C-alpha cells in the first residue's frame, strides 16, 4: 500500500566535528553522481568495481554513515518521490488521487516533499534521496524550473515533469496541449457572441500560463479583435490573486461581457467578485476557467472550463517513472518520453450567449 508522507527526513548522524556529511559530499569527493553513490549504498550491481571502490573510499574518508532505517524501509519497495510547491490545493489534490492510486496498483510507495521556493530545491531533492526515492515527480510550478531539472539530470535521478507546456529534453513529461485548450475556450466564447473578453493571466514563470495567454491573444486577433491593455489582469493561479484581478476588470466603467481566467481558482474568485457587485453570472458577465479542478463544480453557477485530466496525468507520471526505474535497474539507457494527454471543453452554467 502506498504511504504519503510530508517528509521531513532525519539527516544522517554528524560524522565530523562541526559538520554533517551528506550523500552529496560523498559524490563530490568520489567525483560521481549522487545516484551512483545511492546505487553503491544499496548494492546495485550496475556499478563498476572501480567506481564502487572510489565511492567506498570516499565514504570511509568522510565518515559517512548510511541511514539504515531508510534503507531497511525500502527493501523490495520502489519509492516514488513527489517534489511539490503548488499554490493550487485543488490541482495538487487531484494529482495526488491519481498518483497514489497508481502507486497502490504498482506496489510502490509515494513520498511527498514540500519545496517552498527555488532556493530550497536542492535540499528538498536531497531529502527525497536520503529516504530512498528511486524516481521523482515534479508537478507545477517546479516542472518549469531549469535548475531543478538540471540537478536531477546531473545526479541521474529518473524524473517526470507534470503539466509543463514546454517539456525539457532532460526529463520525461506528461502534459496537455495548453495552447490548443486555450484556443478552444476563446473560440467557444466568441461563438457565443462575446467580443469584449477580458483575460486573467497566470504565474508568468509557468509555461502553461504563457501559452494560455498567447493562445487567447492569437485567437482574438484571428477574429479581427484587438484586446486593450485594460482587459488584461495579472494573476498568480491563486484564489486571492483572482479576487484582485477580477476587481480590477469588473470595477471599470465599461465592463467586459466575459472573463477567461487561466485557471479555475481565479475563475471562481471572479464569480465571487461578480456576486459581490450584484452582477448576474452569466447574464451580466460570463466567466470561464481552465483545468476542471473540483472547485469548478462547487461554485455557483458551475464553471465552464477546459478539462485537464489531472488525476490521469498523475497515474501516467507514476507509470512513466516506475518504468524508467525498472529499465535503469536492468542496466538499460532510457531516453526521456513526452506523453500528451487529451483535454476537453466542459460547458456549464457560468457562460451564455452575450445579449
Protein backbone atom coordinates (compact mmCIF):
# COMPACT_ATOMS: atom_id res chain seq x y z
CA UNK A 1 0.00 0.00 0.00
CA UNK A 2 1.30 3.49 -0.74
CA UNK A 3 2.10 5.79 2.11
CA UNK A 4 2.09 9.52 1.50
CA UNK A 5 4.16 11.46 3.99
CA UNK A 6 5.01 15.11 4.19
CA UNK A 7 8.56 14.00 4.58
CA UNK A 8 10.96 15.71 6.92
CA UNK A 9 13.90 13.38 6.63
CA UNK A 10 16.11 12.95 9.64
CA UNK A 11 19.62 13.76 8.44
CA UNK A 12 22.44 11.30 8.91
CA UNK A 13 24.37 11.50 12.17
CA UNK A 14 27.04 14.22 12.31
CA UNK A 15 30.16 12.46 11.17
CA UNK A 16 32.89 15.01 11.62
CA UNK A 17 33.36 17.91 14.02
CA UNK A 18 31.02 20.79 13.18
CA UNK A 19 29.62 19.20 10.02
CA UNK A 20 27.03 16.71 8.80
CA UNK A 21 28.22 14.62 5.88
CA UNK A 22 25.64 14.10 3.15
CA UNK A 23 25.33 11.84 0.15
CA UNK A 24 26.31 14.82 -1.98
CA UNK A 25 29.56 15.27 -0.04
CA UNK A 26 30.43 11.66 -0.84
CA UNK A 27 29.52 12.16 -4.51
CA UNK A 28 31.70 15.26 -4.74
CA UNK A 29 34.68 13.55 -3.08
CA UNK A 30 34.36 10.49 -5.35
CA UNK A 31 33.65 12.66 -8.43
CA UNK A 32 30.49 10.70 -9.28
CA UNK A 33 26.77 11.49 -9.27
CA UNK A 34 24.57 11.29 -6.21
CA UNK A 35 22.63 8.49 -7.87
CA UNK A 36 25.84 6.47 -8.27
CA UNK A 37 26.52 6.82 -4.55
CA UNK A 38 22.95 5.69 -3.86
CA UNK A 39 23.45 2.65 -6.10
CA UNK A 40 26.61 1.66 -4.29
CA UNK A 41 24.97 2.06 -0.88
CA UNK A 42 22.03 -0.06 -1.94
CA UNK A 43 24.12 -2.80 -3.54
CA UNK A 44 23.08 -2.15 -7.13
CA UNK A 45 25.01 -4.46 -9.45
CA UNK A 46 25.19 -1.94 -12.30
CA UNK A 47 28.22 -0.12 -10.92
CA UNK A 48 31.78 -0.91 -11.99
CA UNK A 49 34.24 -2.23 -9.41
CA UNK A 50 36.44 0.81 -9.94
CA UNK A 51 33.58 3.23 -9.28
CA UNK A 52 32.40 1.23 -6.30
CA UNK A 53 35.89 1.39 -4.79
CA UNK A 54 36.03 5.18 -5.29
CA UNK A 55 32.68 5.63 -3.56
CA UNK A 56 33.56 3.34 -0.66
CA UNK A 57 36.89 5.16 -0.22
CA UNK A 58 35.06 8.49 -0.08
CA UNK A 59 32.59 7.08 2.44
CA UNK A 60 35.46 5.93 4.66
CA UNK A 61 37.39 9.18 4.34
CA UNK A 62 34.38 11.33 5.20
CA UNK A 63 32.95 9.01 7.81
CA UNK A 64 29.59 8.91 6.05
CA UNK A 65 27.00 6.67 7.74
CA UNK A 66 24.11 5.23 5.80
CA UNK A 67 20.60 5.98 7.04
CA UNK A 68 19.96 2.37 7.95
CA UNK A 69 16.29 2.89 8.83
CA UNK A 70 15.56 4.45 5.48
CA UNK A 71 17.42 1.73 3.63
CA UNK A 72 15.68 -1.06 5.52
CA UNK A 73 12.27 0.52 4.92
CA UNK A 74 12.73 0.46 1.17
CA UNK A 75 13.98 -3.08 0.64
CA UNK A 76 11.77 -4.63 -2.01
CA UNK A 77 9.66 -1.48 -2.36
CA UNK A 78 10.03 1.06 -5.12
CA UNK A 79 9.69 4.61 -3.82
CA UNK A 80 8.33 7.47 -5.90
CA UNK A 81 9.19 10.93 -4.65
CA UNK A 82 6.90 13.92 -5.24
CA UNK A 83 8.52 17.35 -5.12
CA UNK A 84 5.73 19.89 -4.85
CA UNK A 85 5.21 23.62 -4.46
CA UNK A 86 1.80 24.32 -5.96
CA UNK A 87 -0.34 27.30 -4.92
CA UNK A 88 -3.48 25.45 -6.11
CA UNK A 89 -4.58 22.95 -3.49
CA UNK A 90 -7.25 21.68 -5.90
CA UNK A 91 -4.65 20.77 -8.54
CA UNK A 92 -2.41 19.02 -6.01
CA UNK A 93 -5.34 17.12 -4.50
CA UNK A 94 -6.48 15.79 -7.89
CA UNK A 95 -2.92 14.89 -8.83
CA UNK A 96 -2.39 13.00 -5.57
CA UNK A 97 -5.53 10.93 -6.15
CA UNK A 98 -4.10 9.67 -9.43
CA UNK A 99 -0.52 9.27 -8.25
CA UNK A 100 -1.42 7.41 -5.05
CA UNK A 101 -3.86 5.17 -6.88
CA UNK A 102 -1.22 4.15 -9.40
CA UNK A 103 1.36 3.58 -6.65
CA UNK A 104 -1.17 1.32 -4.94
CA UNK A 105 -1.66 -0.72 -8.13
CA UNK A 106 2.09 -0.90 -8.72
CA UNK A 107 3.04 -1.83 -5.16
CA UNK A 108 5.09 1.37 -4.82
CA UNK A 109 5.27 3.98 -2.09
CA UNK A 110 4.68 7.70 -2.61
CA UNK A 111 6.81 10.15 -0.62
CA UNK A 112 5.93 13.85 -0.52
CA UNK A 113 8.47 16.62 -0.05
CA UNK A 114 7.47 20.28 0.00
CA UNK A 115 9.74 22.79 -1.70
CA UNK A 116 8.93 26.32 -0.58
CA UNK A 117 10.92 28.19 -3.21
CA UNK A 118 13.70 27.87 -5.78
CA UNK A 119 16.39 28.18 -3.10
CA UNK A 120 15.13 25.12 -1.26
CA UNK A 121 15.02 22.82 -4.32
CA UNK A 122 18.40 21.19 -3.77
CA UNK A 123 17.73 20.45 -0.11
CA UNK A 124 14.29 19.04 -0.90
CA UNK A 125 15.77 16.76 -3.57
CA UNK A 126 18.47 15.62 -1.13
CA UNK A 127 15.81 14.79 1.49
CA UNK A 128 13.94 12.65 -1.02
CA UNK A 129 17.12 10.80 -1.98
CA UNK A 130 18.09 10.35 1.67
CA UNK A 131 14.92 8.35 2.34
CA UNK A 132 15.37 6.21 -0.75
CA UNK A 133 13.42 7.84 -3.58
CA UNK A 134 14.03 5.86 -6.76
CA UNK A 135 12.42 8.43 -9.07
CA UNK A 136 10.85 11.86 -8.68
CA UNK A 137 7.68 13.51 -9.98
CA UNK A 138 7.79 17.28 -10.46
CA UNK A 139 4.35 18.91 -10.87
CA UNK A 140 3.87 22.66 -11.49
CA UNK A 141 5.34 25.14 -10.98
CA UNK A 142 8.63 23.28 -10.32
CA UNK A 143 8.14 21.37 -13.58
CA UNK A 144 9.41 24.54 -15.29
CA UNK A 145 12.43 25.01 -13.03
CA UNK A 146 15.50 24.58 -15.21
CA UNK A 147 17.77 24.41 -12.18
CA UNK A 148 15.74 21.60 -10.55
CA UNK A 149 15.54 19.54 -13.75
CA UNK A 150 19.21 20.10 -14.48
CA UNK A 151 20.16 19.00 -10.98
CA UNK A 152 18.02 15.86 -11.19
CA UNK A 153 19.59 15.07 -14.57
CA UNK A 154 23.11 15.52 -13.18
CA UNK A 155 22.53 13.08 -10.32
CA UNK A 156 20.92 10.55 -12.67
CA UNK A 157 17.52 10.60 -10.97
CA UNK A 158 14.61 9.31 -13.12
CA UNK A 159 12.30 12.33 -13.36
CA UNK A 160 8.87 13.12 -14.79
CA UNK A 161 7.77 16.74 -15.17
CA UNK A 162 3.98 17.15 -14.99
CA UNK A 163 1.86 19.82 -16.72
CA UNK A 164 4.72 21.75 -18.26
CA UNK A 165 3.81 23.38 -21.58
CA UNK A 166 7.40 23.19 -22.85
CA UNK A 167 8.89 19.79 -21.95
CA UNK A 168 12.60 19.77 -21.22
CA UNK A 169 14.81 17.33 -23.14
CA UNK A 170 16.35 16.49 -19.76
CA UNK A 171 13.27 14.76 -18.32
CA UNK A 172 10.18 12.79 -19.24
CA UNK A 173 6.92 14.72 -19.18
CA UNK A 174 3.15 14.30 -19.02
CA UNK A 175 1.07 17.24 -20.24
CA UNK A 176 -1.84 18.52 -22.32
CA UNK A 177 -1.72 21.00 -25.22
CA UNK A 178 -2.33 24.20 -23.24
CA UNK A 179 -2.23 26.37 -26.35
CA UNK A 180 -4.92 24.37 -28.15
CA UNK A 181 -7.02 24.22 -24.99
CA UNK A 182 -6.99 27.99 -24.55
CA UNK A 183 -7.79 28.45 -28.25
CA UNK A 184 -10.78 26.15 -27.88
CA UNK A 185 -12.11 28.17 -24.95
CA UNK A 186 -11.59 31.50 -26.70
CA UNK A 187 -13.30 30.24 -29.86
CA UNK A 188 -16.22 28.99 -27.76
CA UNK A 189 -16.69 32.40 -26.10
CA UNK A 190 -16.52 34.08 -29.50
CA UNK A 191 -19.10 31.65 -30.86
CA UNK A 192 -21.39 32.67 -28.02
CA UNK A 193 -21.28 36.24 -29.26
CA UNK A 194 -18.68 37.64 -26.85
CA UNK A 195 -16.29 40.09 -28.48
CA UNK A 196 -15.26 42.09 -25.40
CA UNK A 197 -13.43 39.36 -23.49
CA UNK A 198 -11.07 40.04 -20.58
CA UNK A 199 -8.28 37.66 -19.56
CA UNK A 200 -6.70 36.87 -16.18
CA UNK A 201 -3.12 35.70 -16.64
CA UNK A 202 -1.41 33.05 -14.51
CA UNK A 203 2.05 32.87 -12.97
CA UNK A 204 4.38 34.37 -15.62
CA UNK A 205 7.10 31.86 -14.69
CA UNK A 206 4.83 28.90 -15.51
CA UNK A 207 4.88 27.83 -19.16
CA UNK A 208 1.18 26.81 -19.37
CA UNK A 209 0.25 30.32 -18.22
CA UNK A 210 2.35 31.80 -21.01
CA UNK A 211 0.83 29.58 -23.70
CA UNK A 212 -2.76 30.04 -22.49
CA UNK A 213 -2.39 33.81 -22.69
CA UNK A 214 -0.69 33.68 -26.08
CA UNK A 215 -3.42 31.43 -27.45
CA UNK A 216 -6.08 33.86 -26.23
CA UNK A 217 -4.38 36.84 -27.89
CA UNK A 218 -3.74 34.94 -31.14
CA UNK A 219 -7.31 33.70 -31.39
CA UNK A 220 -8.77 37.15 -30.72
CA UNK A 221 -6.53 38.64 -33.42
CA UNK A 222 -7.56 35.94 -35.88
CA UNK A 223 -11.16 37.05 -35.24
CA UNK A 224 -10.16 40.64 -36.06
CA UNK A 225 -10.32 41.77 -32.44
CA UNK A 226 -7.68 43.71 -30.53
CA UNK A 227 -7.52 43.24 -26.75
CA UNK A 228 -6.99 46.54 -24.90
CA UNK A 229 -4.44 46.55 -22.07
CA UNK A 230 -7.17 47.28 -19.53
CA UNK A 231 -8.79 43.95 -20.41
CA UNK A 232 -5.74 42.03 -19.20
CA UNK A 233 -5.14 41.46 -15.49
CA UNK A 234 -2.24 39.64 -13.85
CA UNK A 235 -2.97 36.70 -11.54
CA UNK A 236 -0.77 34.05 -9.95
CA UNK A 237 -3.06 30.99 -10.14
CA UNK A 238 -4.27 31.61 -6.57
CA UNK A 239 -7.83 32.44 -5.47
CA UNK A 240 -6.65 35.64 -3.81
CA UNK A 241 -4.87 36.85 -6.95
CA UNK A 242 -8.08 36.10 -8.86
CA UNK A 243 -10.04 38.33 -6.49
CA UNK A 244 -7.67 41.23 -7.10
CA UNK A 245 -7.65 40.71 -10.87
CA UNK A 246 -11.45 40.40 -11.12
CA UNK A 247 -11.98 43.54 -9.05
CA UNK A 248 -9.70 45.36 -11.45
CA UNK A 249 -11.60 44.12 -14.50
CA UNK A 250 -15.14 44.43 -13.16
CA UNK A 251 -14.52 47.75 -11.48
CA UNK A 252 -14.06 49.51 -14.81
CA UNK A 253 -16.65 51.98 -16.09
CA UNK A 254 -17.35 49.71 -19.07
CA UNK A 255 -17.20 46.05 -18.09
CA UNK A 256 -16.23 43.17 -20.39
CA UNK A 257 -19.01 40.77 -21.35
CA UNK A 258 -16.84 37.76 -20.49
CA UNK A 259 -13.77 36.87 -18.43
CA UNK A 260 -11.46 33.97 -19.28
CA UNK A 261 -9.24 33.09 -16.31
CA UNK A 262 -6.08 30.98 -16.68
CA UNK A 263 -7.24 28.50 -14.04
CA UNK A 264 -10.34 27.56 -12.08
CA UNK A 265 -9.25 29.07 -8.76
CA UNK A 266 -9.05 32.52 -10.34
CA UNK A 267 -12.28 31.98 -12.29
CA UNK A 268 -14.06 31.01 -9.07
CA UNK A 269 -12.72 34.19 -7.49
CA UNK A 270 -14.09 36.19 -10.44
CA UNK A 271 -17.54 34.68 -9.85
CA UNK A 272 -17.34 35.72 -6.18
CA UNK A 273 -16.40 39.28 -7.14
CA UNK A 274 -19.27 39.43 -9.64
CA UNK A 275 -21.72 38.32 -6.96
CA UNK A 276 -20.32 40.93 -4.60
CA UNK A 277 -21.03 43.60 -7.21
CA UNK A 278 -24.59 42.27 -7.63
CA UNK A 279 -23.82 41.09 -11.17
CA UNK A 280 -25.55 38.02 -12.55
CA UNK A 281 -23.37 35.23 -13.93
CA UNK A 282 -23.68 34.61 -16.83
CA UNK A 283 -26.33 37.21 -17.70
CA UNK A 284 -24.17 40.25 -16.84
CA UNK A 285 -20.76 38.66 -17.28
CA UNK A 286 -19.77 35.19 -18.48
CA UNK A 287 -16.84 33.57 -16.69
CA UNK A 288 -14.67 30.65 -17.82
CA UNK A 289 -11.69 28.87 -16.31
CA UNK A 290 -9.11 26.19 -17.09
CA UNK A 291 -8.17 22.81 -15.52
CA UNK A 292 -11.58 21.49 -14.33
CA UNK A 293 -10.47 21.02 -10.75
CA UNK A 294 -13.15 20.20 -8.10
CA UNK A 295 -13.81 23.89 -7.47
CA UNK A 296 -15.34 24.11 -10.97
CA UNK A 297 -18.42 22.20 -9.81
CA UNK A 298 -18.59 23.50 -6.24
CA UNK A 299 -19.06 27.18 -7.16
CA UNK A 300 -22.38 28.62 -8.33
CA UNK A 301 -23.01 28.75 -11.16
CA UNK A 302 -20.86 25.78 -12.14
CA UNK A 303 -17.84 26.77 -14.18
CA UNK A 304 -17.28 26.39 -17.91
CA UNK A 305 -13.67 25.25 -18.19
CA UNK A 306 -11.09 23.19 -20.06
CA UNK A 307 -10.84 19.75 -18.54
CA UNK A 308 -7.25 18.79 -17.86
CA UNK A 309 -7.15 15.11 -16.78
CA UNK A 310 -5.07 15.83 -13.67
CA UNK A 311 -5.68 12.52 -11.87
CA UNK A 312 -4.97 10.58 -15.08
CA UNK A 313 -1.79 12.63 -15.51
CA UNK A 314 -0.76 11.61 -12.00
CA UNK A 315 -1.28 7.96 -12.87
CA UNK A 316 0.61 8.29 -16.16
CA UNK A 317 3.51 10.08 -14.44
CA UNK A 318 3.86 7.30 -11.85
CA UNK A 319 3.79 4.67 -14.62
CA UNK A 320 6.49 6.52 -16.55
CA UNK A 321 8.83 6.94 -13.59
CA UNK A 322 8.39 3.32 -12.45
CA UNK A 323 9.12 2.03 -15.96
CA UNK A 324 12.17 4.31 -16.06
CA UNK A 325 13.49 3.00 -12.72
CA UNK A 326 12.97 -0.64 -13.72
CA UNK A 327 14.77 -0.11 -17.03
CA UNK A 328 17.67 1.58 -15.22
CA UNK A 329 17.90 -1.29 -12.75
CA UNK A 330 18.11 -3.66 -15.70
CA UNK A 331 21.08 -1.69 -16.99
CA UNK A 332 19.28 -0.03 -19.92
CA UNK A 333 19.60 3.60 -21.01
CA UNK A 334 16.19 5.27 -21.02
CA UNK A 335 15.57 8.34 -23.20
CA UNK A 336 13.02 10.90 -21.93
CA UNK A 337 9.42 10.25 -23.00
CA UNK A 338 6.88 13.03 -23.52
CA UNK A 339 3.27 11.93 -23.17
CA UNK A 340 0.45 14.19 -24.44
CA UNK A 341 -2.93 13.71 -22.72
CA UNK A 342 -6.30 14.78 -24.19
CA UNK A 343 -8.24 17.81 -22.97
CA UNK A 344 -11.90 18.69 -23.49
CA UNK A 345 -14.14 21.74 -23.28
CA UNK A 346 -16.67 21.47 -20.42
CA UNK A 347 -19.57 23.88 -20.98
CA UNK A 348 -21.51 24.65 -17.79
CA UNK A 349 -23.75 27.40 -16.44
CA UNK A 350 -21.18 30.20 -15.99
CA UNK A 351 -21.27 31.11 -19.69
CA UNK A 352 -24.08 32.05 -22.03
CA UNK A 353 -24.68 33.99 -25.25
CA UNK A 354 -23.97 37.70 -25.00
CA UNK A 355 -27.13 39.88 -25.15
